[in-house]
Amino acid sequence: MNGIKITGTGSYAPPLVVTNDDLAEILDTSDEWIFSRTGIKTRRYNGGRPNFEMAVQAAQNALESARITVLDIDYIIVSTSTPDFLYPNTACLVQRLIGAENAACLDINAACTGFVSGLEIARGLLYSGYDRILFIASECLSKQVDFTDRATCVLFGDEAGAVILERDENKIFASFMKAKGVSPSIVSAMFRMINNAKKTT
């Protein structure tokens, strides 16, 4: 048996709410166009604040939910594809700001699969000897999207979620993961996004 359990949860959503009508002021789009294709009415933006601040807020809420202290945390994992710095990693920034001095730190970048990838990594760490893991997924995508592309920029926002994970030897944990890589069309789109960003800086 190699199960895990969630003993606390926390989240943080920035206060800035951006509606479809707000985006329609800068794009050739409308609330009806966006909602009929995506089901999205609003999204949250972090307003230029650092991603790690959202991660810290979610972490503190998860600790409160689990009714534990930061010194009970053995390991911090942060999943993000929008870190504020290449180094130090976001997990180390969270550790410093919440005072989790007993914790090791690790960042992962798995984009949309970040949460399930983090759970798999956390399970391995828990059964290698760690007792309690703080796992955070935090994304600040508003600073990366191309606001001239109405097909993509309407989809993304900013938010963070966190969980406290422990072993649960009465449950079975099973997973099967694989990847298909990145298609050429996605690679081309990424390079266009990078080039557009360079032109505006």
N, C-alpha and C. Protein backbone atom coordinates (compact mmCIF):
# COMPACT_ATOMS: atom_id res chain seq x y z
N MET A 1 0.85 -1.19 0.00
CA MET A 1 0.00 0.00 0.00
C MET A 1 0.88 1.24 0.00
N ASN A 2 0.61 2.16 -0.88
CA ASN A 2 1.43 3.37 -0.95
C ASN A 2 0.56 4.59 -1.25
N GLY A 3 -0.54 4.69 -0.51
CA GLY A 3 -1.46 5.79 -0.74
C GLY A 3 -1.02 7.08 -0.07
N ILE A 4 -1.67 8.15 -0.47
CA ILE A 4 -1.45 9.45 0.15
C ILE A 4 -2.80 10.08 0.45
N LYS A 5 -2.78 11.08 1.33
CA LYS A 5 -4.01 11.78 1.67
C LYS A 5 -3.76 13.26 1.75
N ILE A 6 -4.80 14.03 1.48
CA ILE A 6 -4.76 15.49 1.60
C ILE A 6 -5.33 15.87 2.95
N THR A 7 -4.52 16.52 3.78
CA THR A 7 -4.96 16.88 5.12
C THR A 7 -5.27 18.37 5.27
N GLY A 8 -5.02 19.14 4.23
CA GLY A 8 -5.34 20.56 4.27
C GLY A 8 -5.33 21.12 2.86
N THR A 9 -6.17 22.11 2.62
CA THR A 9 -6.22 22.77 1.31
C THR A 9 -6.24 24.27 1.48
N GLY A 10 -5.74 24.96 0.49
CA GLY A 10 -5.76 26.42 0.51
C GLY A 10 -5.70 26.96 -0.90
N SER A 11 -6.18 28.16 -1.09
CA SER A 11 -6.13 28.79 -2.41
C SER A 11 -6.00 30.29 -2.26
N TYR A 12 -5.64 30.92 -3.37
CA TYR A 12 -5.60 32.38 -3.39
C TYR A 12 -5.96 32.85 -4.79
N ALA A 13 -6.95 33.73 -4.89
CA ALA A 13 -7.34 34.36 -6.15
C ALA A 13 -7.14 35.86 -6.00
N PRO A 14 -6.39 36.48 -6.91
CA PRO A 14 -6.18 37.93 -6.81
C PRO A 14 -7.50 38.69 -6.87
N PRO A 15 -7.55 39.88 -6.29
CA PRO A 15 -8.81 40.63 -6.24
C PRO A 15 -9.25 41.22 -7.57
N LEU A 16 -8.32 41.39 -8.53
CA LEU A 16 -8.66 42.03 -9.80
C LEU A 16 -9.43 41.06 -10.70
N VAL A 17 -10.70 41.37 -10.94
CA VAL A 17 -11.57 40.55 -11.80
C VAL A 17 -11.63 41.19 -13.18
N VAL A 18 -11.30 40.41 -14.21
CA VAL A 18 -11.34 40.89 -15.59
C VAL A 18 -12.46 40.15 -16.31
N THR A 19 -13.44 40.89 -16.78
CA THR A 19 -14.60 40.30 -17.45
C THR A 19 -14.36 40.19 -18.95
N ASN A 20 -15.24 39.45 -19.61
CA ASN A 20 -15.18 39.37 -21.07
C ASN A 20 -15.39 40.74 -21.70
N ASP A 21 -16.26 41.53 -21.10
CA ASP A 21 -16.49 42.89 -21.62
C ASP A 21 -15.23 43.74 -21.51
N ASP A 22 -14.45 43.53 -20.44
CA ASP A 22 -13.18 44.26 -20.31
C ASP A 22 -12.25 43.92 -21.47
N LEU A 23 -12.16 42.64 -21.81
CA LEU A 23 -11.29 42.22 -22.90
C LEU A 23 -11.80 42.72 -24.25
N ALA A 24 -13.12 42.83 -24.37
CA ALA A 24 -13.71 43.30 -25.62
C ALA A 24 -13.34 44.75 -25.91
N GLU A 25 -12.89 45.47 -24.90
CA GLU A 25 -12.47 46.86 -25.11
C GLU A 25 -11.12 46.96 -25.82
N ILE A 26 -10.33 45.88 -25.76
CA ILE A 26 -9.00 45.91 -26.38
C ILE A 26 -8.86 44.88 -27.48
N LEU A 27 -9.88 44.03 -27.67
CA LEU A 27 -9.83 42.96 -28.66
C LEU A 27 -11.08 42.98 -29.53
N ASP A 28 -10.96 42.40 -30.72
CA ASP A 28 -12.12 42.20 -31.58
C ASP A 28 -12.85 40.95 -31.11
N THR A 29 -13.60 41.09 -30.02
CA THR A 29 -14.30 39.96 -29.42
C THR A 29 -15.50 40.49 -28.65
N SER A 30 -16.24 39.59 -28.02
CA SER A 30 -17.40 39.99 -27.23
C SER A 30 -17.64 38.96 -26.14
N ASP A 31 -18.46 39.33 -25.17
CA ASP A 31 -18.82 38.40 -24.11
C ASP A 31 -19.47 37.15 -24.71
N GLU A 32 -20.35 37.33 -25.68
CA GLU A 32 -21.04 36.18 -26.28
C GLU A 32 -20.06 35.26 -27.00
N TRP A 33 -19.10 35.86 -27.74
CA TRP A 33 -18.12 35.06 -28.48
C TRP A 33 -17.27 34.21 -27.54
N ILE A 34 -16.79 34.83 -26.47
CA ILE A 34 -15.93 34.12 -25.53
C ILE A 34 -16.71 33.05 -24.76
N PHE A 35 -17.87 33.44 -24.22
CA PHE A 35 -18.63 32.51 -23.39
C PHE A 35 -19.15 31.32 -24.18
N SER A 36 -19.59 31.53 -25.40
CA SER A 36 -20.14 30.43 -26.20
C SER A 36 -19.08 29.42 -26.58
N ARG A 37 -17.82 29.82 -26.61
CA ARG A 37 -16.74 28.92 -26.99
C ARG A 37 -15.97 28.36 -25.81
N THR A 38 -16.01 29.04 -24.69
CA THR A 38 -15.17 28.61 -23.56
C THR A 38 -15.94 28.38 -22.26
N GLY A 39 -17.09 29.00 -22.12
CA GLY A 39 -17.82 28.94 -20.85
C GLY A 39 -17.26 29.88 -19.81
N ILE A 40 -16.33 30.75 -20.21
CA ILE A 40 -15.66 31.65 -19.27
C ILE A 40 -16.34 33.02 -19.29
N LYS A 41 -16.65 33.54 -18.11
CA LYS A 41 -17.20 34.89 -17.97
C LYS A 41 -16.17 35.87 -17.40
N THR A 42 -15.39 35.39 -16.43
CA THR A 42 -14.40 36.25 -15.78
C THR A 42 -13.14 35.45 -15.52
N ARG A 43 -12.05 36.16 -15.26
CA ARG A 43 -10.81 35.56 -14.82
C ARG A 43 -10.12 36.55 -13.89
N ARG A 44 -9.20 36.06 -13.06
CA ARG A 44 -8.49 36.94 -12.13
C ARG A 44 -7.09 37.24 -12.66
N TYR A 45 -6.66 38.49 -12.50
CA TYR A 45 -5.30 38.89 -12.84
C TYR A 45 -4.60 39.38 -11.58
N ASN A 46 -3.31 39.11 -11.51
CA ASN A 46 -2.53 39.46 -10.33
C ASN A 46 -2.01 40.89 -10.36
N GLY A 47 -2.31 41.62 -11.41
CA GLY A 47 -2.00 43.04 -11.46
C GLY A 47 -0.53 43.39 -11.36
N GLY A 48 0.33 42.54 -11.92
CA GLY A 48 1.76 42.83 -11.91
C GLY A 48 2.48 42.41 -10.65
N ARG A 49 1.76 41.84 -9.68
CA ARG A 49 2.40 41.37 -8.45
C ARG A 49 3.15 40.05 -8.72
N PRO A 50 4.13 39.69 -7.90
CA PRO A 50 4.89 38.46 -8.14
C PRO A 50 4.03 37.20 -7.97
N ASN A 51 4.36 36.20 -8.74
CA ASN A 51 3.71 34.91 -8.63
C ASN A 51 3.91 34.30 -7.23
N PHE A 52 5.13 34.45 -6.68
CA PHE A 52 5.41 33.80 -5.40
C PHE A 52 4.53 34.32 -4.27
N GLU A 53 4.03 35.56 -4.41
CA GLU A 53 3.13 36.07 -3.37
C GLU A 53 1.81 35.30 -3.35
N MET A 54 1.32 34.92 -4.52
CA MET A 54 0.10 34.10 -4.57
C MET A 54 0.37 32.73 -3.95
N ALA A 55 1.53 32.15 -4.26
CA ALA A 55 1.90 30.85 -3.72
C ALA A 55 1.96 30.89 -2.19
N VAL A 56 2.50 31.97 -1.65
CA VAL A 56 2.60 32.12 -0.19
C VAL A 56 1.21 32.19 0.44
N GLN A 57 0.31 32.96 -0.15
CA GLN A 57 -1.04 33.08 0.39
C GLN A 57 -1.75 31.73 0.40
N ALA A 58 -1.64 30.99 -0.71
CA ALA A 58 -2.28 29.67 -0.78
C ALA A 58 -1.67 28.72 0.24
N ALA A 59 -0.35 28.79 0.41
CA ALA A 59 0.33 27.93 1.38
C ALA A 59 -0.14 28.20 2.80
N GLN A 60 -0.21 29.46 3.16
CA GLN A 60 -0.65 29.82 4.52
C GLN A 60 -2.08 29.36 4.77
N ASN A 61 -2.93 29.45 3.76
CA ASN A 61 -4.31 28.98 3.93
C ASN A 61 -4.37 27.46 4.07
N ALA A 62 -3.51 26.75 3.36
CA ALA A 62 -3.48 25.28 3.49
C ALA A 62 -2.98 24.87 4.87
N LEU A 63 -1.97 25.57 5.37
CA LEU A 63 -1.46 25.26 6.71
C LEU A 63 -2.53 25.49 7.77
N GLU A 64 -3.27 26.56 7.62
CA GLU A 64 -4.36 26.84 8.56
C GLU A 64 -5.43 25.77 8.47
N SER A 65 -5.75 25.33 7.27
CA SER A 65 -6.75 24.29 7.09
C SER A 65 -6.32 22.97 7.73
N ALA A 66 -5.02 22.65 7.62
CA ALA A 66 -4.50 21.40 8.19
C ALA A 66 -4.24 21.50 9.69
N ARG A 67 -4.28 22.72 10.21
CA ARG A 67 -4.03 22.97 11.64
C ARG A 67 -2.64 22.48 12.06
N ILE A 68 -1.65 22.84 11.25
CA ILE A 68 -0.27 22.52 11.56
C ILE A 68 0.55 23.80 11.47
N THR A 69 1.79 23.74 11.92
CA THR A 69 2.69 24.89 11.81
C THR A 69 3.66 24.68 10.65
N VAL A 70 4.32 25.74 10.25
CA VAL A 70 5.27 25.64 9.14
C VAL A 70 6.43 24.70 9.48
N LEU A 71 6.74 24.56 10.74
CA LEU A 71 7.86 23.69 11.13
C LEU A 71 7.51 22.21 10.99
N ASP A 72 6.24 21.90 10.75
CA ASP A 72 5.83 20.51 10.51
C ASP A 72 6.04 20.09 9.06
N ILE A 73 6.39 21.03 8.19
CA ILE A 73 6.55 20.73 6.77
C ILE A 73 7.97 20.25 6.51
N ASP A 74 8.09 19.09 5.84
CA ASP A 74 9.39 18.51 5.50
C ASP A 74 9.86 18.88 4.10
N TYR A 75 8.90 19.16 3.22
CA TYR A 75 9.26 19.39 1.82
C TYR A 75 8.23 20.34 1.20
N ILE A 76 8.70 21.24 0.37
CA ILE A 76 7.82 22.15 -0.37
C ILE A 76 8.05 21.92 -1.86
N ILE A 77 6.98 21.62 -2.57
CA ILE A 77 7.03 21.50 -4.03
C ILE A 77 6.14 22.59 -4.62
N VAL A 78 6.65 23.30 -5.58
CA VAL A 78 5.84 24.30 -6.29
C VAL A 78 5.82 23.94 -7.78
N SER A 79 4.63 23.81 -8.31
CA SER A 79 4.45 23.62 -9.74
C SER A 79 4.10 24.97 -10.37
N THR A 80 4.95 25.42 -11.29
CA THR A 80 4.65 26.69 -11.98
C THR A 80 5.40 26.74 -13.30
N SER A 81 4.75 27.27 -14.31
CA SER A 81 5.42 27.55 -15.58
C SER A 81 5.63 29.05 -15.75
N THR A 82 5.32 29.81 -14.70
CA THR A 82 5.50 31.26 -14.73
C THR A 82 6.25 31.75 -13.49
N PRO A 83 7.47 31.22 -13.26
CA PRO A 83 8.21 31.68 -12.09
C PRO A 83 8.65 33.13 -12.24
N ASP A 84 8.88 33.79 -11.13
CA ASP A 84 9.36 35.16 -11.17
C ASP A 84 10.85 35.24 -11.49
N PHE A 85 11.59 34.19 -11.13
CA PHE A 85 13.03 34.14 -11.35
C PHE A 85 13.42 32.74 -11.79
N LEU A 86 14.52 32.63 -12.51
CA LEU A 86 15.07 31.30 -12.80
C LEU A 86 15.65 30.69 -11.53
N TYR A 87 16.25 31.51 -10.71
CA TYR A 87 16.74 31.09 -9.40
C TYR A 87 16.82 32.31 -8.52
N PRO A 88 16.55 32.22 -7.24
CA PRO A 88 16.14 31.00 -6.54
C PRO A 88 14.77 30.51 -7.02
N ASN A 89 14.51 29.24 -6.81
CA ASN A 89 13.22 28.72 -7.26
C ASN A 89 12.09 29.24 -6.37
N THR A 90 10.86 29.09 -6.87
CA THR A 90 9.70 29.63 -6.16
C THR A 90 9.50 28.95 -4.82
N ALA A 91 9.78 27.65 -4.76
CA ALA A 91 9.63 26.92 -3.50
C ALA A 91 10.53 27.49 -2.41
N CYS A 92 11.75 27.89 -2.77
CA CYS A 92 12.66 28.48 -1.78
C CYS A 92 12.16 29.85 -1.32
N LEU A 93 11.57 30.60 -2.24
CA LEU A 93 11.00 31.90 -1.85
C LEU A 93 9.84 31.70 -0.88
N VAL A 94 8.98 30.71 -1.18
CA VAL A 94 7.87 30.40 -0.27
C VAL A 94 8.40 29.97 1.09
N GLN A 95 9.39 29.09 1.08
CA GLN A 95 9.97 28.60 2.34
C GLN A 95 10.44 29.77 3.21
N ARG A 96 11.16 30.70 2.60
CA ARG A 96 11.70 31.84 3.33
C ARG A 96 10.59 32.72 3.90
N LEU A 97 9.58 32.98 3.08
CA LEU A 97 8.53 33.92 3.47
C LEU A 97 7.57 33.35 4.50
N ILE A 98 7.37 32.03 4.51
CA ILE A 98 6.47 31.46 5.53
C ILE A 98 7.24 30.93 6.73
N GLY A 99 8.58 30.84 6.63
CA GLY A 99 9.40 30.40 7.76
C GLY A 99 9.50 28.91 7.93
N ALA A 100 9.36 28.15 6.82
CA ALA A 100 9.41 26.68 6.91
C ALA A 100 10.85 26.20 6.86
N GLU A 101 11.60 26.47 7.91
CA GLU A 101 13.04 26.25 7.89
C GLU A 101 13.44 24.78 7.87
N ASN A 102 12.52 23.87 8.15
CA ASN A 102 12.85 22.45 8.13
C ASN A 102 12.63 21.80 6.77
N ALA A 103 12.14 22.56 5.80
CA ALA A 103 11.69 21.97 4.54
C ALA A 103 12.75 22.03 3.45
N ALA A 104 12.84 20.95 2.68
CA ALA A 104 13.56 20.97 1.41
C ALA A 104 12.64 21.60 0.36
N CYS A 105 13.21 22.02 -0.77
CA CYS A 105 12.42 22.77 -1.76
C CYS A 105 12.69 22.28 -3.17
N LEU A 106 11.62 22.30 -3.97
CA LEU A 106 11.73 21.85 -5.36
C LEU A 106 10.66 22.54 -6.20
N ASP A 107 11.04 23.03 -7.38
CA ASP A 107 10.09 23.51 -8.38
C ASP A 107 9.96 22.50 -9.50
N ILE A 108 8.76 22.39 -10.07
CA ILE A 108 8.57 21.61 -11.28
C ILE A 108 7.82 22.47 -12.29
N ASN A 109 8.07 22.22 -13.57
CA ASN A 109 7.38 22.93 -14.64
C ASN A 109 6.75 21.89 -15.55
N ALA A 110 5.47 21.62 -15.33
CA ALA A 110 4.75 20.63 -16.13
C ALA A 110 3.48 21.22 -16.71
N ALA A 111 3.36 22.55 -16.69
CA ALA A 111 2.23 23.27 -17.28
C ALA A 111 0.90 22.70 -16.79
N CYS A 112 0.03 22.30 -17.72
CA CYS A 112 -1.33 21.88 -17.35
C CYS A 112 -1.34 20.61 -16.49
N THR A 113 -0.31 19.79 -16.61
CA THR A 113 -0.27 18.55 -15.82
C THR A 113 0.50 18.72 -14.52
N GLY A 114 0.74 19.97 -14.13
CA GLY A 114 1.56 20.23 -12.96
C GLY A 114 1.05 19.59 -11.68
N PHE A 115 -0.28 19.63 -11.47
CA PHE A 115 -0.80 19.11 -10.21
C PHE A 115 -0.66 17.59 -10.13
N VAL A 116 -1.02 16.88 -11.19
CA VAL A 116 -0.92 15.42 -11.14
C VAL A 116 0.55 14.99 -11.12
N SER A 117 1.41 15.72 -11.81
CA SER A 117 2.84 15.41 -11.76
C SER A 117 3.39 15.63 -10.36
N GLY A 118 2.96 16.71 -9.73
CA GLY A 118 3.42 16.99 -8.37
C GLY A 118 2.96 15.94 -7.37
N LEU A 119 1.74 15.44 -7.54
CA LEU A 119 1.26 14.38 -6.66
C LEU A 119 2.11 13.14 -6.78
N GLU A 120 2.49 12.79 -8.00
CA GLU A 120 3.32 11.60 -8.20
C GLU A 120 4.69 11.77 -7.55
N ILE A 121 5.28 12.96 -7.71
CA ILE A 121 6.57 13.23 -7.07
C ILE A 121 6.43 13.20 -5.55
N ALA A 122 5.38 13.82 -5.04
CA ALA A 122 5.15 13.86 -3.60
C ALA A 122 4.97 12.46 -3.02
N ARG A 123 4.25 11.61 -3.73
CA ARG A 123 4.07 10.24 -3.25
C ARG A 123 5.41 9.54 -3.08
N GLY A 124 6.28 9.69 -4.08
CA GLY A 124 7.60 9.07 -3.97
C GLY A 124 8.40 9.61 -2.79
N LEU A 125 8.32 10.92 -2.56
CA LEU A 125 9.05 11.51 -1.44
C LEU A 125 8.49 11.05 -0.10
N LEU A 126 7.17 10.95 0.00
CA LEU A 126 6.56 10.52 1.26
C LEU A 126 6.98 9.10 1.62
N TYR A 127 7.11 8.25 0.62
CA TYR A 127 7.49 6.87 0.90
C TYR A 127 9.00 6.65 0.88
N SER A 128 9.75 7.75 0.74
CA SER A 128 11.20 7.66 0.89
C SER A 128 11.64 8.19 2.25
N GLY A 129 10.65 8.66 3.06
CA GLY A 129 10.99 9.06 4.42
C GLY A 129 10.46 10.39 4.89
N TYR A 130 9.99 11.23 3.98
CA TYR A 130 9.40 12.52 4.39
C TYR A 130 7.99 12.28 4.93
N ASP A 131 7.58 13.09 5.91
CA ASP A 131 6.29 12.87 6.58
C ASP A 131 5.18 13.79 6.07
N ARG A 132 5.52 15.02 5.73
CA ARG A 132 4.46 15.98 5.39
C ARG A 132 4.98 16.94 4.32
N ILE A 133 4.23 17.04 3.24
CA ILE A 133 4.67 17.85 2.10
C ILE A 133 3.64 18.95 1.82
N LEU A 134 4.14 20.14 1.60
CA LEU A 134 3.34 21.26 1.13
C LEU A 134 3.52 21.35 -0.38
N PHE A 135 2.43 21.13 -1.11
CA PHE A 135 2.48 21.18 -2.58
C PHE A 135 1.61 22.32 -3.07
N ILE A 136 2.20 23.20 -3.88
CA ILE A 136 1.52 24.39 -4.37
C ILE A 136 1.57 24.41 -5.90
N ALA A 137 0.45 24.73 -6.50
CA ALA A 137 0.42 25.02 -7.94
C ALA A 137 0.04 26.49 -8.09
N SER A 138 0.90 27.26 -8.71
CA SER A 138 0.67 28.71 -8.80
C SER A 138 1.07 29.21 -10.18
N GLU A 139 0.14 29.87 -10.86
CA GLU A 139 0.41 30.38 -12.21
C GLU A 139 -0.01 31.84 -12.33
N CYS A 140 0.85 32.62 -12.97
CA CYS A 140 0.57 34.03 -13.25
C CYS A 140 0.65 34.22 -14.76
N LEU A 141 -0.32 33.67 -15.46
CA LEU A 141 -0.28 33.60 -16.92
C LEU A 141 -0.60 34.93 -17.59
N SER A 142 -1.19 35.86 -16.87
CA SER A 142 -1.53 37.14 -17.49
C SER A 142 -0.30 37.90 -17.97
N LYS A 143 0.86 37.60 -17.40
CA LYS A 143 2.08 38.30 -17.82
C LYS A 143 2.73 37.65 -19.03
N GLN A 144 2.17 36.53 -19.50
CA GLN A 144 2.77 35.83 -20.63
C GLN A 144 1.88 35.81 -21.88
N VAL A 145 0.58 35.99 -21.72
CA VAL A 145 -0.32 35.82 -22.86
C VAL A 145 -0.15 36.95 -23.87
N ASP A 146 -0.48 36.65 -25.11
CA ASP A 146 -0.44 37.62 -26.19
C ASP A 146 -1.82 38.27 -26.29
N PHE A 147 -1.93 39.52 -25.87
CA PHE A 147 -3.22 40.19 -25.83
C PHE A 147 -3.68 40.70 -27.20
N THR A 148 -2.97 40.29 -28.25
CA THR A 148 -3.48 40.54 -29.61
C THR A 148 -4.12 39.28 -30.19
N ASP A 149 -4.02 38.17 -29.48
CA ASP A 149 -4.55 36.90 -29.96
C ASP A 149 -5.81 36.55 -29.17
N ARG A 150 -6.98 36.85 -29.74
CA ARG A 150 -8.22 36.66 -29.00
C ARG A 150 -8.54 35.18 -28.76
N ALA A 151 -7.94 34.29 -29.54
CA ALA A 151 -8.23 32.86 -29.39
C ALA A 151 -7.59 32.27 -28.14
N THR A 152 -6.52 32.90 -27.63
CA THR A 152 -5.82 32.33 -26.49
C THR A 152 -5.85 33.20 -25.24
N CYS A 153 -5.75 34.53 -25.41
CA CYS A 153 -5.60 35.38 -24.22
C CYS A 153 -6.85 35.37 -23.33
N VAL A 154 -8.00 35.03 -23.91
CA VAL A 154 -9.23 35.01 -23.11
C VAL A 154 -9.30 33.81 -22.18
N LEU A 155 -8.41 32.84 -22.38
CA LEU A 155 -8.51 31.57 -21.65
C LEU A 155 -7.84 31.60 -20.28
N PHE A 156 -6.86 32.47 -20.09
CA PHE A 156 -5.96 32.31 -18.96
C PHE A 156 -6.10 33.42 -17.92
N GLY A 157 -5.81 33.04 -16.68
CA GLY A 157 -5.81 33.98 -15.57
C GLY A 157 -4.74 33.59 -14.58
N ASP A 158 -4.82 34.15 -13.38
CA ASP A 158 -3.82 33.94 -12.34
C ASP A 158 -4.49 33.41 -11.08
N GLU A 159 -3.87 32.42 -10.44
CA GLU A 159 -4.40 31.89 -9.19
C GLU A 159 -3.41 30.87 -8.62
N ALA A 160 -3.58 30.54 -7.37
CA ALA A 160 -2.73 29.55 -6.72
C ALA A 160 -3.57 28.64 -5.84
N GLY A 161 -3.19 27.37 -5.79
CA GLY A 161 -3.82 26.40 -4.90
C GLY A 161 -2.76 25.59 -4.19
N ALA A 162 -3.05 25.15 -2.99
CA ALA A 162 -2.06 24.40 -2.20
C ALA A 162 -2.74 23.27 -1.43
N VAL A 163 -1.97 22.20 -1.21
CA VAL A 163 -2.45 21.08 -0.40
C VAL A 163 -1.33 20.61 0.53
N ILE A 164 -1.74 20.07 1.66
CA ILE A 164 -0.82 19.38 2.57
C ILE A 164 -1.01 17.89 2.34
N LEU A 165 0.09 17.18 2.08
CA LEU A 165 0.04 15.76 1.76
C LEU A 165 0.78 14.93 2.80
N GLU A 166 0.17 13.78 3.15
CA GLU A 166 0.79 12.82 4.07
C GLU A 166 0.59 11.41 3.55
N ARG A 167 1.33 10.46 4.10
CA ARG A 167 1.14 9.05 3.74
C ARG A 167 -0.21 8.55 4.25
N ASP A 168 -0.80 7.62 3.51
CA ASP A 168 -1.99 6.90 3.96
C ASP A 168 -1.85 5.46 3.50
N GLU A 169 -1.30 4.65 4.37
CA GLU A 169 -0.96 3.28 3.99
C GLU A 169 -2.18 2.38 3.87
N ASN A 170 -3.37 2.89 4.14
CA ASN A 170 -4.59 2.11 3.96
C ASN A 170 -5.20 2.29 2.58
N LYS A 171 -4.57 3.12 1.77
CA LYS A 171 -5.09 3.37 0.42
C LYS A 171 -4.05 2.99 -0.63
N ILE A 172 -4.53 2.67 -1.81
CA ILE A 172 -3.65 2.33 -2.92
C ILE A 172 -3.54 3.54 -3.84
N PHE A 173 -2.33 3.88 -4.18
CA PHE A 173 -2.07 4.97 -5.12
C PHE A 173 -1.53 4.34 -6.40
N ALA A 174 -2.21 4.57 -7.51
CA ALA A 174 -1.75 4.05 -8.78
C ALA A 174 -1.81 5.15 -9.82
N SER A 175 -0.80 5.22 -10.66
CA SER A 175 -0.80 6.22 -11.72
C SER A 175 -0.04 5.69 -12.92
N PHE A 176 -0.39 6.21 -14.08
CA PHE A 176 0.33 5.90 -15.32
C PHE A 176 0.45 7.20 -16.09
N MET A 177 1.66 7.64 -16.32
CA MET A 177 1.87 8.93 -16.96
C MET A 177 2.77 8.77 -18.17
N LYS A 178 2.46 9.53 -19.22
CA LYS A 178 3.34 9.60 -20.38
C LYS A 178 3.08 10.94 -21.08
N ALA A 179 3.92 11.27 -22.04
CA ALA A 179 3.77 12.52 -22.78
C ALA A 179 3.93 12.25 -24.26
N LYS A 180 3.29 13.11 -25.05
CA LYS A 180 3.40 13.00 -26.51
C LYS A 180 4.32 14.08 -27.10
N GLY A 181 4.91 14.87 -26.24
CA GLY A 181 5.78 15.92 -26.75
C GLY A 181 4.97 17.11 -27.25
N VAL A 182 5.66 18.04 -27.87
CA VAL A 182 5.04 19.27 -28.34
C VAL A 182 4.94 19.23 -29.86
N SER A 183 3.77 19.54 -30.40
CA SER A 183 3.57 19.53 -31.84
C SER A 183 4.27 20.71 -32.49
N PRO A 184 4.66 20.59 -33.78
CA PRO A 184 5.32 21.70 -34.47
C PRO A 184 4.50 22.99 -34.47
N SER A 185 3.17 22.87 -34.56
CA SER A 185 2.34 24.08 -34.58
C SER A 185 2.42 24.83 -33.25
N ILE A 186 2.50 24.08 -32.15
CA ILE A 186 2.63 24.73 -30.84
C ILE A 186 3.99 25.40 -30.71
N VAL A 187 5.04 24.73 -31.19
CA VAL A 187 6.37 25.33 -31.15
C VAL A 187 6.38 26.64 -31.94
N SER A 188 5.76 26.64 -33.12
CA SER A 188 5.70 27.86 -33.93
C SER A 188 4.95 28.97 -33.21
N ALA A 189 3.85 28.62 -32.54
CA ALA A 189 3.07 29.60 -31.79
C ALA A 189 3.88 30.17 -30.64
N MET A 190 4.66 29.32 -29.98
CA MET A 190 5.48 29.79 -28.87
C MET A 190 6.53 30.79 -29.35
N PHE A 191 7.18 30.49 -30.49
CA PHE A 191 8.18 31.42 -31.00
C PHE A 191 7.55 32.74 -31.44
N ARG A 192 6.33 32.68 -31.99
CA ARG A 192 5.64 33.92 -32.34
C ARG A 192 5.36 34.75 -31.10
N MET A 193 4.96 34.07 -30.00
CA MET A 193 4.68 34.77 -28.76
C MET A 193 5.95 35.44 -28.21
N ILE A 194 7.07 34.71 -28.29
CA ILE A 194 8.33 35.26 -27.80
C ILE A 194 8.75 36.47 -28.62
N ASN A 195 8.63 36.35 -29.94
CA ASN A 195 9.00 37.47 -30.82
C ASN A 195 8.13 38.69 -30.59
N ASN A 196 6.83 38.47 -30.38
CA ASN A 196 5.91 39.58 -30.10
C ASN A 196 6.28 40.28 -28.80
N ALA A 197 6.65 39.45 -27.79
CA ALA A 197 7.04 40.02 -26.50
C ALA A 197 8.30 40.88 -26.64
N LYS A 198 9.25 40.44 -27.48
CA LYS A 198 10.48 41.20 -27.68
C LYS A 198 10.20 42.54 -28.35
N LYS A 199 9.24 42.55 -29.28
CA LYS A 199 8.91 43.77 -30.01
C LYS A 199 8.28 44.83 -29.12
N THR A 200 7.62 44.39 -28.04
CA THR A 200 6.90 45.33 -27.16
C THR A 200 7.75 45.78 -25.99
N THR A 201 8.97 45.24 -25.87
CA THR A 201 9.84 45.63 -24.74
C THR A 201 10.92 46.58 -25.21
